[in-house]
Amino acid sequence: MRILLTTCSYQDTPGPHHELMEISKYGIGLDKIDIPSTKELKIPVLFTPGVNHDTVAEHTFLLLLAMAKNFPYAIDGTRAGRWDRKTGHELFEKRVGLIGLGRIGQEVARRARAFGMEVHAYGNYWPEDIAKEFGIIRHDSLDSLFSSVDIISPHTKLTNETLHCVNAERLAMMPDGSWVINTGRGELIDQAAVIAALDSGKLAGYAADVLDEEPPPADHPLLHHPKVIITPHVGSRTFESVPRQAMKSLTNLINALKGEGETNCANGVI
């Protein structure tokens, strides 16, 4: 095998006599690829940053609005012939905390400010111009962030350091009736801690486009919880973003083979 095009994961480590020239990832998540091994074996890993940040940010707000306005309850009710008007919440002046201020985090911040929300963030990468434009309040720790907001939305890479960054200890720092949204990676969330917080009332809702197991088993504990909204990892899938991702993945590969132009190499081999 000389070229691998992948939409999800590549967890097999190539042997010393491999014939793999390139790995071209259709997407931005690299947590399922053994980056150190590919670097050691000098196999370029290409990916497609900058193609779906608006799409994912929009989906993040779709989930937030669905929770705040009780959309699933209202839609299911009217379809069943009920006219049961459950009271929702405004987003205006709510405090949203972003874990990560990369491309997606920035676009979520932009939309949050348009709704009149107060934006807080924590992350190693800090774009001063964006933070100033949207009045983003910077925090020097996750504990500080969680204790200052009503809503948490992680937009960071999945690493050993960010695994379960949303956990029981930090959820306890939030006000009662808070919300968590996850359009990043399922493993950023301690699932058991979220369920316990939902059951206790610490969280009023949890909405996610990603799970720790995809597709989930039928008895996955989040699928049937009354305070949970789950979509099947479609946050980056639109008729606009899919062609962009495909073209960027192909362009990366062609440029790498030709040895010229942008390749978006994630492991520094090129």
C-alpha atoms as a PDB file:
ATOM      1  CA  MET A   1       0.000   0.000   0.000  1.00  0.00           C
ATOM      2  CA  ARG A   2       1.451   3.377  -0.964  1.00  0.00           C
ATOM      3  CA  ILE A   3      -1.249   5.976  -0.227  1.00  0.00           C
ATOM      4  CA  LEU A   4      -3.957   5.916   2.432  1.00  0.00           C
ATOM      5  CA  LEU A   5      -6.979   8.199   2.164  1.00  0.00           C
ATOM      6  CA  THR A   6      -8.992   8.065   5.370  1.00  0.00           C
ATOM      7  CA  THR A   7     -12.122   9.689   6.761  1.00  0.00           C
ATOM      8  CA  CYS A   8     -11.782   8.317  10.278  1.00  0.00           C
ATOM      9  CA  SER A   9      -8.946   6.462  11.970  1.00  0.00           C
ATOM     10  CA  TYR A  10      -5.732   4.669  11.101  1.00  0.00           C
ATOM     11  CA  GLN A  11      -4.565   2.943  14.251  1.00  0.00           C
ATOM     12  CA  ASP A  12      -2.323   0.243  12.747  1.00  0.00           C
ATOM     13  CA  THR A  13       1.357   1.104  13.083  1.00  0.00           C
ATOM     14  CA  PRO A  14       3.178   0.470   9.774  1.00  0.00           C
ATOM     15  CA  GLY A  15       6.021  -2.024   9.980  1.00  0.00           C
ATOM     16  CA  PRO A  16       9.641  -1.179   9.169  1.00  0.00           C
ATOM     17  CA  HIS A  17       9.258  -2.472   5.595  1.00  0.00           C
ATOM     18  CA  HIS A  18       6.041  -0.621   4.856  1.00  0.00           C
ATOM     19  CA  GLU A  19       5.308   0.831   1.416  1.00  0.00           C
ATOM     20  CA  LEU A  20       3.071   3.622   2.692  1.00  0.00           C
ATOM     21  CA  MET A  21       4.029   6.979   1.198  1.00  0.00           C
ATOM     22  CA  GLU A  22       1.313   9.284   2.510  1.00  0.00           C
ATOM     23  CA  ILE A  23      -1.670   9.360   4.852  1.00  0.00           C
ATOM     24  CA  SER A  24      -4.199  11.967   3.741  1.00  0.00           C
ATOM     25  CA  LYS A  25      -6.897  12.609   6.343  1.00  0.00           C
ATOM     26  CA  TYR A  26     -10.294  13.809   5.143  1.00  0.00           C
ATOM     27  CA  GLY A  27     -10.987  15.940   8.203  1.00  0.00           C
ATOM     28  CA  ILE A  28      -9.162  17.655  11.044  1.00  0.00           C
ATOM     29  CA  GLY A  29      -9.156  15.160  13.928  1.00  0.00           C
ATOM     30  CA  LEU A  30      -5.801  13.390  14.298  1.00  0.00           C
ATOM     31  CA  ASP A  31      -6.352  11.669  17.639  1.00  0.00           C
ATOM     32  CA  LYS A  32      -6.867   8.252  16.006  1.00  0.00           C
ATOM     33  CA  ILE A  33      -3.596   8.357  14.057  1.00  0.00           C
ATOM     34  CA  ASP A  34      -0.305   7.285  15.656  1.00  0.00           C
ATOM     35  CA  ILE A  35       1.532  10.527  14.877  1.00  0.00           C
ATOM     36  CA  PRO A  36       4.854   9.654  16.638  1.00  0.00           C
ATOM     37  CA  SER A  37       5.160   6.390  14.683  1.00  0.00           C
ATOM     38  CA  THR A  38       4.408   8.059  11.349  1.00  0.00           C
ATOM     39  CA  LYS A  39       7.019  10.707  12.104  1.00  0.00           C
ATOM     40  CA  GLU A  40       9.618   8.097  13.017  1.00  0.00           C
ATOM     41  CA  LEU A  41       8.873   6.219   9.782  1.00  0.00           C
ATOM     42  CA  LYS A  42       8.843   9.494   7.796  1.00  0.00           C
ATOM     43  CA  ILE A  43       5.279   9.015   6.542  1.00  0.00           C
ATOM     44  CA  PRO A  44       3.622  12.416   5.976  1.00  0.00           C
ATOM     45  CA  VAL A  45       0.203  12.801   7.606  1.00  0.00           C
ATOM     46  CA  LEU A  46      -1.898  15.384   5.793  1.00  0.00           C
ATOM     47  CA  PHE A  47      -5.153  16.855   7.074  1.00  0.00           C
ATOM     48  CA  THR A  48      -7.696  19.546   6.172  1.00  0.00           C
ATOM     49  CA  PRO A  49      -7.801  22.447   8.644  1.00  0.00           C
ATOM     50  CA  GLY A  50      -9.893  25.514   7.906  1.00  0.00           C
ATOM     51  CA  VAL A  51     -12.682  23.862   5.922  1.00  0.00           C
ATOM     52  CA  ASN A  52     -15.491  23.346   8.429  1.00  0.00           C
ATOM     53  CA  HIS A  53     -15.080  25.785  11.320  1.00  0.00           C
ATOM     54  CA  ASP A  54     -18.179  27.791  10.368  1.00  0.00           C
ATOM     55  CA  THR A  55     -20.166  24.590   9.902  1.00  0.00           C
ATOM     56  CA  VAL A  56     -19.259  23.193  13.325  1.00  0.00           C
ATOM     57  CA  ALA A  57     -19.814  26.557  15.028  1.00  0.00           C
ATOM     58  CA  GLU A  58     -23.305  26.719  13.526  1.00  0.00           C
ATOM     59  CA  HIS A  59     -24.050  23.210  14.767  1.00  0.00           C
ATOM     60  CA  THR A  60     -22.807  24.154  18.221  1.00  0.00           C
ATOM     61  CA  PHE A  61     -25.357  26.950  18.335  1.00  0.00           C
ATOM     62  CA  LEU A  62     -28.058  24.696  16.938  1.00  0.00           C
ATOM     63  CA  LEU A  63     -27.531  22.393  19.922  1.00  0.00           C
ATOM     64  CA  LEU A  64     -27.362  25.273  22.382  1.00  0.00           C
ATOM     65  CA  LEU A  65     -30.598  26.797  21.094  1.00  0.00           C
ATOM     66  CA  ALA A  66     -32.292  23.399  21.045  1.00  0.00           C
ATOM     67  CA  MET A  67     -31.487  22.985  24.741  1.00  0.00           C
ATOM     68  CA  ALA A  68     -32.359  26.537  25.727  1.00  0.00           C
ATOM     69  CA  LYS A  69     -35.698  26.568  23.888  1.00  0.00           C
ATOM     70  CA  ASN A  70     -36.709  22.921  24.539  1.00  0.00           C
ATOM     71  CA  PHE A  71     -36.924  22.183  20.804  1.00  0.00           C
ATOM     72  CA  PRO A  72     -37.064  18.363  21.020  1.00  0.00           C
ATOM     73  CA  TYR A  73     -39.907  18.531  23.558  1.00  0.00           C
ATOM     74  CA  ALA A  74     -41.838  21.070  21.472  1.00  0.00           C
ATOM     75  CA  ILE A  75     -41.365  19.254  18.163  1.00  0.00           C
ATOM     76  CA  ASP A  76     -42.215  15.831  19.577  1.00  0.00           C
ATOM     77  CA  GLY A  77     -45.269  17.308  21.292  1.00  0.00           C
ATOM     78  CA  THR A  78     -46.771  18.977  18.249  1.00  0.00           C
ATOM     79  CA  ARG A  79     -46.162  15.867  16.152  1.00  0.00           C
ATOM     80  CA  ALA A  80     -48.057  13.886  18.784  1.00  0.00           C
ATOM     81  CA  GLY A  81     -50.937  16.363  18.695  1.00  0.00           C
ATOM     82  CA  ARG A  82     -50.079  18.180  21.933  1.00  0.00           C
ATOM     83  CA  TRP A  83     -49.920  21.969  22.361  1.00  0.00           C
ATOM     84  CA  ASP A  84     -47.789  21.922  25.513  1.00  0.00           C
ATOM     85  CA  ARG A  85     -45.770  25.129  25.831  1.00  0.00           C
ATOM     86  CA  LYS A  86     -42.724  24.491  27.997  1.00  0.00           C
ATOM     87  CA  THR A  87     -40.860  27.632  29.078  1.00  0.00           C
ATOM     88  CA  GLY A  88     -37.310  28.041  27.784  1.00  0.00           C
ATOM     89  CA  HIS A  89     -34.348  30.343  28.381  1.00  0.00           C
ATOM     90  CA  GLU A  90     -32.770  33.344  26.667  1.00  0.00           C
ATOM     91  CA  LEU A  91     -29.142  33.211  25.611  1.00  0.00           C
ATOM     92  CA  PHE A  92     -28.797  36.975  26.096  1.00  0.00           C
ATOM     93  CA  GLU A  93     -26.275  37.761  28.849  1.00  0.00           C
ATOM     94  CA  LYS A  94     -25.564  34.094  29.521  1.00  0.00           C
ATOM     95  CA  ARG A  95     -21.890  33.293  30.174  1.00  0.00           C
ATOM     96  CA  VAL A  96     -20.366  30.751  27.807  1.00  0.00           C
ATOM     97  CA  GLY A  97     -16.977  29.164  28.467  1.00  0.00           C
ATOM     98  CA  LEU A  98     -14.912  27.913  25.531  1.00  0.00           C
ATOM     99  CA  ILE A  99     -12.147  25.370  26.017  1.00  0.00           C
ATOM    100  CA  GLY A 100      -9.889  26.213  23.091  1.00  0.00           C
ATOM    101  CA  LEU A 101      -9.845  29.312  20.922  1.00  0.00           C
ATOM    102  CA  GLY A 102      -8.785  27.910  17.573  1.00  0.00           C
ATOM    103  CA  ARG A 103     -10.776  28.352  14.373  1.00  0.00           C
ATOM    104  CA  ILE A 104     -13.961  26.707  15.676  1.00  0.00           C
ATOM    105  CA  GLY A 105     -13.741  28.336  19.097  1.00  0.00           C
ATOM    106  CA  GLN A 106     -13.345  31.741  17.458  1.00  0.00           C
ATOM    107  CA  GLU A 107     -16.436  31.239  15.308  1.00  0.00           C
ATOM    108  CA  VAL A 108     -18.466  30.097  18.317  1.00  0.00           C
ATOM    109  CA  ALA A 109     -17.304  33.250  20.121  1.00  0.00           C
ATOM    110  CA  ARG A 110     -18.395  35.381  17.149  1.00  0.00           C
ATOM    111  CA  ARG A 111     -21.890  33.885  17.235  1.00  0.00           C
ATOM    112  CA  ALA A 112     -22.116  34.107  21.009  1.00  0.00           C
ATOM    113  CA  ARG A 113     -21.409  37.825  20.907  1.00  0.00           C
ATOM    114  CA  ALA A 114     -24.098  38.251  18.236  1.00  0.00           C
ATOM    115  CA  PHE A 115     -26.547  36.761  20.768  1.00  0.00           C
ATOM    116  CA  GLY A 116     -25.376  39.201  23.435  1.00  0.00           C
ATOM    117  CA  MET A 117     -23.574  36.541  25.459  1.00  0.00           C
ATOM    118  CA  GLU A 118     -20.536  37.021  27.672  1.00  0.00           C
ATOM    119  CA  VAL A 119     -17.661  34.956  26.286  1.00  0.00           C
ATOM    120  CA  HIS A 120     -14.993  33.368  28.474  1.00  0.00           C
ATOM    121  CA  ALA A 121     -12.190  31.109  27.244  1.00  0.00           C
ATOM    122  CA  TYR A 122      -9.200  29.046  28.262  1.00  0.00           C
ATOM    123  CA  GLY A 123      -6.488  27.720  25.969  1.00  0.00           C
ATOM    124  CA  ASN A 124      -2.789  27.695  25.175  1.00  0.00           C
ATOM    125  CA  TYR A 125      -3.427  29.441  21.865  1.00  0.00           C
ATOM    126  CA  TRP A 126      -4.677  32.982  22.374  1.00  0.00           C
ATOM    127  CA  PRO A 127      -5.360  35.209  19.317  1.00  0.00           C
ATOM    128  CA  GLU A 128      -5.197  38.680  20.865  1.00  0.00           C
ATOM    129  CA  ASP A 129      -6.947  40.398  17.950  1.00  0.00           C
ATOM    130  CA  ILE A 130      -9.940  38.046  18.076  1.00  0.00           C
ATOM    131  CA  ALA A 131     -10.122  38.204  21.871  1.00  0.00           C
ATOM    132  CA  LYS A 132     -10.130  41.989  21.759  1.00  0.00           C
ATOM    133  CA  GLU A 133     -12.703  42.151  18.940  1.00  0.00           C
ATOM    134  CA  PHE A 134     -15.202  39.974  20.809  1.00  0.00           C
ATOM    135  CA  GLY A 135     -14.328  41.037  24.347  1.00  0.00           C
ATOM    136  CA  ILE A 136     -13.352  37.497  25.354  1.00  0.00           C
ATOM    137  CA  ILE A 137     -12.436  37.088  29.014  1.00  0.00           C
ATOM    138  CA  ARG A 138      -9.280  35.014  29.399  1.00  0.00           C
ATOM    139  CA  HIS A 139      -8.834  32.428  32.162  1.00  0.00           C
ATOM    140  CA  ASP A 140      -5.534  30.949  33.294  1.00  0.00           C
ATOM    141  CA  SER A 141      -7.006  27.588  34.315  1.00  0.00           C
ATOM    142  CA  LEU A 142      -9.933  25.311  33.552  1.00  0.00           C
ATOM    143  CA  ASP A 143     -11.055  25.548  37.168  1.00  0.00           C
ATOM    144  CA  SER A 144     -11.330  29.322  36.843  1.00  0.00           C
ATOM    145  CA  LEU A 145     -13.291  28.948  33.608  1.00  0.00           C
ATOM    146  CA  PHE A 146     -15.797  26.428  34.972  1.00  0.00           C
ATOM    147  CA  SER A 147     -16.456  28.475  38.101  1.00  0.00           C
ATOM    148  CA  SER A 148     -17.256  31.583  36.028  1.00  0.00           C
ATOM    149  CA  VAL A 149     -19.758  30.400  33.396  1.00  0.00           C
ATOM    150  CA  ASP A 150     -23.218  28.914  32.816  1.00  0.00           C
ATOM    151  CA  ILE A 151     -22.319  26.998  29.651  1.00  0.00           C
ATOM    152  CA  ILE A 152     -19.226  24.969  28.726  1.00  0.00           C
ATOM    153  CA  SER A 153     -18.298  24.128  25.132  1.00  0.00           C
ATOM    154  CA  PRO A 154     -14.979  22.342  24.460  1.00  0.00           C
ATOM    155  CA  HIS A 155     -13.258  23.012  21.119  1.00  0.00           C
ATOM    156  CA  THR A 156      -9.835  21.497  21.679  1.00  0.00           C
ATOM    157  CA  LYS A 157      -7.789  18.558  20.453  1.00  0.00           C
ATOM    158  CA  LEU A 158      -8.155  15.234  22.224  1.00  0.00           C
ATOM    159  CA  THR A 159      -4.868  14.514  23.997  1.00  0.00           C
ATOM    160  CA  ASN A 160      -3.825  12.830  27.221  1.00  0.00           C
ATOM    161  CA  GLU A 161      -4.082  16.255  28.853  1.00  0.00           C
ATOM    162  CA  THR A 162      -7.586  17.060  27.559  1.00  0.00           C
ATOM    163  CA  LEU A 163      -9.089  13.592  28.070  1.00  0.00           C
ATOM    164  CA  HIS A 164     -12.106  14.030  30.395  1.00  0.00           C
ATOM    165  CA  CYS A 165     -11.334  17.729  30.834  1.00  0.00           C
ATOM    166  CA  VAL A 166     -15.062  18.063  31.589  1.00  0.00           C
ATOM    167  CA  ASN A 167     -15.268  15.975  34.755  1.00  0.00           C
ATOM    168  CA  ALA A 168     -17.148  15.715  38.046  1.00  0.00           C
ATOM    169  CA  GLU A 169     -14.813  18.016  39.957  1.00  0.00           C
ATOM    170  CA  ARG A 170     -15.136  20.825  37.423  1.00  0.00           C
ATOM    171  CA  LEU A 171     -18.856  20.387  36.825  1.00  0.00           C
ATOM    172  CA  ALA A 172     -19.354  20.869  40.569  1.00  0.00           C
ATOM    173  CA  MET A 173     -17.845  24.362  40.190  1.00  0.00           C
ATOM    174  CA  MET A 174     -20.618  25.478  37.821  1.00  0.00           C
ATOM    175  CA  PRO A 175     -23.952  26.985  38.930  1.00  0.00           C
ATOM    176  CA  ASP A 176     -26.912  24.645  39.286  1.00  0.00           C
ATOM    177  CA  GLY A 177     -28.842  24.366  36.034  1.00  0.00           C
ATOM    178  CA  SER A 178     -25.828  24.819  33.743  1.00  0.00           C
ATOM    179  CA  TRP A 179     -25.425  23.384  30.237  1.00  0.00           C
ATOM    180  CA  VAL A 180     -22.648  21.536  28.419  1.00  0.00           C
ATOM    181  CA  ILE A 181     -22.308  21.245  24.636  1.00  0.00           C
ATOM    182  CA  ASN A 182     -19.807  18.966  22.906  1.00  0.00           C
ATOM    183  CA  THR A 183     -19.077  19.162  19.192  1.00  0.00           C
ATOM    184  CA  GLY A 184     -15.398  18.271  19.649  1.00  0.00           C
ATOM    185  CA  ARG A 185     -14.600  14.716  20.698  1.00  0.00           C
ATOM    186  CA  GLY A 186     -16.669  12.390  22.865  1.00  0.00           C
ATOM    187  CA  GLU A 187     -13.727  11.559  25.107  1.00  0.00           C
ATOM    188  CA  LEU A 188     -13.325  15.189  26.191  1.00  0.00           C
ATOM    189  CA  ILE A 189     -16.302  14.492  28.460  1.00  0.00           C
ATOM    190  CA  ASP A 190     -16.414  12.197  31.474  1.00  0.00           C
ATOM    191  CA  GLN A 191     -19.700  10.579  30.509  1.00  0.00           C
ATOM    192  CA  ALA A 192     -20.478   9.185  33.973  1.00  0.00           C
ATOM    193  CA  ALA A 193     -19.876  12.601  35.535  1.00  0.00           C
ATOM    194  CA  VAL A 194     -22.211  14.278  33.043  1.00  0.00           C
ATOM    195  CA  ILE A 195     -24.990  11.765  33.698  1.00  0.00           C
ATOM    196  CA  ALA A 196     -24.610  12.220  37.465  1.00  0.00           C
ATOM    197  CA  ALA A 197     -24.723  16.014  37.055  1.00  0.00           C
ATOM    198  CA  LEU A 198     -27.858  15.765  34.910  1.00  0.00           C
ATOM    199  CA  ASP A 199     -29.566  13.536  37.458  1.00  0.00           C
ATOM    200  CA  SER A 200     -28.666  15.833  40.364  1.00  0.00           C
ATOM    201  CA  GLY A 201     -29.793  19.023  38.621  1.00  0.00           C
ATOM    202  CA  LYS A 202     -26.294  20.480  38.480  1.00  0.00           C
ATOM    203  CA  LEU A 203     -26.712  20.319  34.686  1.00  0.00           C
ATOM    204  CA  ALA A 204     -30.007  21.306  33.093  1.00  0.00           C
ATOM    205  CA  GLY A 205     -28.947  19.811  29.790  1.00  0.00           C
ATOM    206  CA  TYR A 206     -26.237  18.168  27.732  1.00  0.00           C
ATOM    207  CA  ALA A 207     -26.106  18.315  23.933  1.00  0.00           C
ATOM    208  CA  ALA A 208     -23.511  16.581  21.791  1.00  0.00           C
ATOM    209  CA  ASP A 209     -22.664  15.705  18.217  1.00  0.00           C
ATOM    210  CA  VAL A 210     -19.967  13.265  19.338  1.00  0.00           C
ATOM    211  CA  LEU A 211     -19.834  10.274  21.670  1.00  0.00           C
ATOM    212  CA  ASP A 212     -17.110   8.146  23.203  1.00  0.00           C
ATOM    213  CA  GLU A 213     -18.289   5.258  21.005  1.00  0.00           C
ATOM    214  CA  GLU A 214     -19.550   5.820  17.450  1.00  0.00           C
ATOM    215  CA  PRO A 215     -21.925   4.535  16.366  1.00  0.00           C
ATOM    216  CA  PRO A 216     -23.191   4.012  19.919  1.00  0.00           C
ATOM    217  CA  PRO A 217     -24.815   0.808  21.145  1.00  0.00           C
ATOM    218  CA  ALA A 218     -28.588   0.920  21.503  1.00  0.00           C
ATOM    219  CA  ASP A 219     -28.267   0.997  25.291  1.00  0.00           C
ATOM    220  CA  HIS A 220     -25.778   3.886  25.405  1.00  0.00           C
ATOM    221  CA  PRO A 221     -26.752   5.782  28.584  1.00  0.00           C
ATOM    222  CA  LEU A 222     -26.877   9.209  26.930  1.00  0.00           C
ATOM    223  CA  LEU A 223     -29.189   8.252  24.070  1.00  0.00           C
ATOM    224  CA  HIS A 224     -32.379   8.019  26.104  1.00  0.00           C
ATOM    225  CA  HIS A 225     -31.754  10.517  28.894  1.00  0.00           C
ATOM    226  CA  PRO A 226     -34.556  13.125  28.979  1.00  0.00           C
ATOM    227  CA  LYS A 227     -32.121  16.034  29.404  1.00  0.00           C
ATOM    228  CA  VAL A 228     -29.820  15.029  26.553  1.00  0.00           C
ATOM    229  CA  ILE A 229     -29.789  15.908  22.841  1.00  0.00           C
ATOM    230  CA  ILE A 230     -27.580  13.789  20.567  1.00  0.00           C
ATOM    231  CA  THR A 231     -26.929  14.212  16.838  1.00  0.00           C
ATOM    232  CA  PRO A 232     -24.982  11.538  14.872  1.00  0.00           C
ATOM    233  CA  HIS A 233     -21.664  13.376  14.270  1.00  0.00           C
ATOM    234  CA  VAL A 234     -23.051  15.548  11.491  1.00  0.00           C
ATOM    235  CA  GLY A 235     -21.750  18.897  12.731  1.00  0.00           C
ATOM    236  CA  SER A 236     -19.201  19.170   9.924  1.00  0.00           C
ATOM    237  CA  ARG A 237     -21.361  17.639   7.202  1.00  0.00           C
ATOM    238  CA  THR A 238     -23.034  20.178   4.936  1.00  0.00           C
ATOM    239  CA  PHE A 239     -23.382  20.419   1.175  1.00  0.00           C
ATOM    240  CA  GLU A 240     -20.913  23.300   1.359  1.00  0.00           C
ATOM    241  CA  SER A 241     -18.252  21.860   3.669  1.00  0.00           C
ATOM    242  CA  VAL A 242     -18.040  18.299   2.314  1.00  0.00           C
ATOM    243  CA  PRO A 243     -16.722  19.364  -1.146  1.00  0.00           C
ATOM    244  CA  ARG A 244     -14.274  21.751   0.543  1.00  0.00           C
ATOM    245  CA  GLN A 245     -12.876  18.945   2.686  1.00  0.00           C
ATOM    246  CA  ALA A 246     -12.646  16.569  -0.273  1.00  0.00           C
ATOM    247  CA  MET A 247     -10.859  19.095  -2.476  1.00  0.00           C
ATOM    248  CA  LYS A 248      -8.430  20.098   0.258  1.00  0.00           C
ATOM    249  CA  SER A 249      -7.598  16.466   1.017  1.00  0.00           C
ATOM    250  CA  LEU A 250      -6.966  15.779  -2.666  1.00  0.00           C
ATOM    251  CA  THR A 251      -4.979  18.993  -3.161  1.00  0.00           C
ATOM    252  CA  ASN A 252      -2.816  18.178  -0.133  1.00  0.00           C
ATOM    253  CA  LEU A 253      -2.054  14.767  -1.608  1.00  0.00           C
ATOM    254  CA  ILE A 254      -1.250  16.068  -5.092  1.00  0.00           C
ATOM    255  CA  ASN A 255       0.997  18.817  -3.696  1.00  0.00           C
ATOM    256  CA  ALA A 256       2.818  16.325  -1.476  1.00  0.00           C
ATOM    257  CA  LEU A 257       3.439  13.955  -4.389  1.00  0.00           C
ATOM    258  CA  LYS A 258       4.648  16.832  -6.574  1.00  0.00           C
ATOM    259  CA  GLY A 259       6.740  18.309  -3.781  1.00  0.00           C
ATOM    260  CA  GLU A 260       5.288  21.790  -4.087  1.00  0.00           C
ATOM    261  CA  GLY A 261       2.527  23.965  -2.644  1.00  0.00           C
ATOM    262  CA  GLU A 262       0.588  23.683   0.594  1.00  0.00           C
ATOM    263  CA  THR A 263       0.251  20.177   2.047  1.00  0.00           C
ATOM    264  CA  ASN A 264      -1.040  20.792   5.612  1.00  0.00           C
ATOM    265  CA  CYS A 265       1.344  18.191   6.988  1.00  0.00           C
ATOM    266  CA  ALA A 266       0.535  17.483  10.640  1.00  0.00           C
ATOM    267  CA  ASN A 267       3.667  15.608  11.693  1.00  0.00           C
ATOM    268  CA  GLY A 268       6.431  17.772  10.219  1.00  0.00           C
ATOM    269  CA  VAL A 269       7.724  15.149   7.787  1.00  0.00           C
ATOM    270  CA  ILE A 270       7.240  17.491   4.828  1.00  0.00           C
END
